[in-house]
Amino acid sequence: MEFPEDLKYTEEHEWVLVEDGVATVGISDFAQDALGDVVFVELPEVGTVLEAGKSFGVVESVKAVSDVYAPICGEVIEINEELQDTPELINTSPYEDGWMLKIKIADSSELDDLMDADGYQAFVEEE
């Protein structure tokens, strides 16, 4: 199981990569492994304003349907269009090709509430 050091994580198993005021968001290796084979992904439209902790989409696998939650507040500026035709990218490449959306960060202090890689690894080991 991977826990990249350059990412931040939520208790709902989303990851965040911050670059130049933009947060790229996806679900962690732990989450995709727990879900099993992903068969469908529902994402918001570009321009949608997200609220931290609120659901922004759905990931459907052969095992379950799970909500995906916004780690921070902000406006969706891009979605990963490839997931519509190849949702299994979340399984094969959760931290690279399987990213879900990019958010223009509204309040960077919200990032302080997220876990670092070591904290997230300890969190999932307790689950």
Protein backbone atom coordinates (compact mmCIF):
# COMPACT_ATOMS: atom_id res chain seq x y z
CA MET A 1 0.00 0.00 0.00
CA GLU A 2 1.34 3.42 -0.98
CA PHE A 3 1.29 6.61 1.11
CA PRO A 4 3.07 9.28 -0.98
CA GLU A 5 4.85 11.80 1.27
CA ASP A 6 3.95 14.87 -0.86
CA LEU A 7 0.20 14.43 -0.34
CA LYS A 8 -2.27 15.35 2.39
CA TYR A 9 -5.06 12.93 3.39
CA THR A 10 -8.56 12.97 4.89
CA GLU A 11 -10.25 10.54 7.27
CA GLU A 12 -12.62 9.71 4.38
CA HIS A 13 -9.58 8.48 2.37
CA GLU A 14 -9.22 11.29 -0.14
CA TRP A 15 -5.77 12.60 -1.02
CA VAL A 16 -4.78 16.16 -1.92
CA LEU A 17 -1.80 17.44 -3.90
CA VAL A 18 -1.32 21.22 -3.62
CA GLU A 19 0.37 23.15 -6.44
CA ASP A 20 0.13 26.91 -7.02
CA GLY A 21 -3.17 27.43 -5.17
CA VAL A 22 -4.80 24.40 -6.80
CA ALA A 23 -5.64 21.14 -5.03
CA THR A 24 -5.74 17.95 -7.08
CA VAL A 25 -7.99 15.38 -5.36
CA GLY A 26 -8.43 11.63 -5.63
CA ILE A 27 -9.01 8.60 -3.44
CA SER A 28 -6.17 6.80 -1.71
CA ASP A 29 -4.65 3.44 -2.55
CA PHE A 30 -6.24 2.14 0.67
CA ALA A 31 -9.70 3.33 -0.45
CA GLN A 32 -9.50 1.90 -3.96
CA ASP A 33 -8.28 -1.41 -2.56
CA ALA A 34 -11.20 -1.54 -0.11
CA LEU A 35 -13.69 -0.70 -2.88
CA GLY A 36 -12.47 -3.30 -5.35
CA ASP A 37 -12.86 -2.89 -9.10
CA VAL A 38 -14.21 0.60 -9.87
CA VAL A 39 -16.84 0.53 -12.62
CA PHE A 40 -18.31 4.06 -12.54
CA VAL A 41 -17.38 7.54 -11.29
CA GLU A 42 -19.72 10.52 -10.95
CA LEU A 43 -18.04 13.92 -10.66
CA PRO A 44 -19.37 17.49 -10.37
CA GLU A 45 -19.32 19.97 -13.23
CA VAL A 46 -16.53 22.50 -13.65
CA GLY A 47 -17.57 25.67 -11.83
CA THR A 48 -19.23 23.84 -8.93
CA VAL A 49 -18.30 25.33 -5.56
CA LEU A 50 -17.46 22.62 -3.03
CA GLU A 51 -17.80 22.75 0.73
CA ALA A 52 -15.25 20.92 2.87
CA GLY A 53 -16.60 17.65 4.23
CA LYS A 54 -19.56 17.53 1.82
CA SER A 55 -19.99 14.87 -0.87
CA PHE A 56 -18.96 15.95 -4.37
CA GLY A 57 -19.38 12.68 -6.23
CA VAL A 58 -19.73 8.92 -6.22
CA VAL A 59 -17.43 6.00 -6.90
CA GLU A 60 -19.18 2.75 -7.76
CA SER A 61 -17.36 -0.56 -7.61
CA VAL A 62 -18.40 -4.17 -7.98
CA LYS A 63 -18.70 -4.26 -4.17
CA ALA A 64 -20.22 -0.91 -3.17
CA VAL A 65 -21.25 2.65 -4.01
CA SER A 66 -19.34 5.26 -2.01
CA ASP A 67 -19.58 9.01 -1.72
CA VAL A 68 -16.43 11.05 -2.24
CA TYR A 69 -15.97 14.11 -0.02
CA ALA A 70 -14.39 17.50 -0.61
CA PRO A 71 -11.27 17.83 1.55
CA ILE A 72 -11.40 21.63 1.35
CA CYS A 73 -13.64 24.44 0.10
CA GLY A 74 -13.18 25.80 -3.38
CA GLU A 75 -14.31 25.88 -6.99
CA VAL A 76 -13.91 22.91 -9.32
CA ILE A 77 -11.69 24.10 -12.18
CA GLU A 78 -11.08 20.76 -13.89
CA ILE A 79 -12.33 17.17 -13.76
CA ASN A 80 -10.57 14.04 -14.98
CA GLU A 81 -12.63 13.33 -18.12
CA GLU A 82 -10.80 10.02 -18.67
CA LEU A 83 -12.60 8.51 -15.68
CA GLN A 84 -15.90 8.52 -17.61
CA ASP A 85 -14.60 5.92 -20.06
CA THR A 86 -11.91 4.27 -17.91
CA PRO A 87 -12.94 4.45 -14.23
CA GLU A 88 -10.51 1.60 -13.48
CA LEU A 89 -7.70 4.18 -13.58
CA ILE A 90 -8.60 4.74 -9.93
CA ASN A 91 -7.55 1.13 -9.25
CA THR A 92 -4.46 0.99 -11.44
CA SER A 93 -3.09 4.48 -10.72
CA PRO A 94 -4.86 6.13 -7.76
CA TYR A 95 -2.22 8.85 -7.31
CA GLU A 96 -1.41 9.69 -10.92
CA ASP A 97 -3.87 8.87 -13.73
CA GLY A 98 -6.78 8.22 -11.35
CA TRP A 99 -7.05 11.76 -9.95
CA MET A 100 -10.64 13.04 -9.87
CA LEU A 101 -10.73 16.81 -9.88
CA LYS A 102 -8.84 20.04 -9.35
CA ILE A 103 -10.09 22.68 -6.93
CA LYS A 104 -9.09 26.35 -6.77
CA ILE A 105 -8.33 26.63 -3.06
CA ALA A 106 -10.59 29.10 -1.25
CA ASP A 107 -8.87 28.97 2.16
CA SER A 108 -5.41 27.41 2.38
CA SER A 109 -5.64 27.19 6.18
CA GLU A 110 -8.07 24.27 5.69
CA LEU A 111 -5.09 22.22 4.51
CA ASP A 112 -3.81 22.30 8.10
CA ASP A 113 -6.72 20.04 9.09
CA LEU A 114 -5.53 17.24 6.78
CA MET A 115 -3.15 14.42 7.71
CA ASP A 116 0.36 13.96 6.40
CA ALA A 117 1.44 10.57 5.00
CA ASP A 118 2.65 9.24 8.37
CA GLY A 119 -0.55 10.33 10.13
CA TYR A 120 -2.71 8.78 7.42
CA GLN A 121 -0.78 5.51 7.47
CA ALA A 122 -1.26 5.29 11.25
CA PHE A 123 -4.96 6.11 10.77
CA VAL A 124 -5.59 3.30 8.26
CA GLU A 125 -3.65 0.79 10.36
CA GLU A 126 -6.13 1.44 13.17
CA GLU A 127 -9.18 0.81 10.93
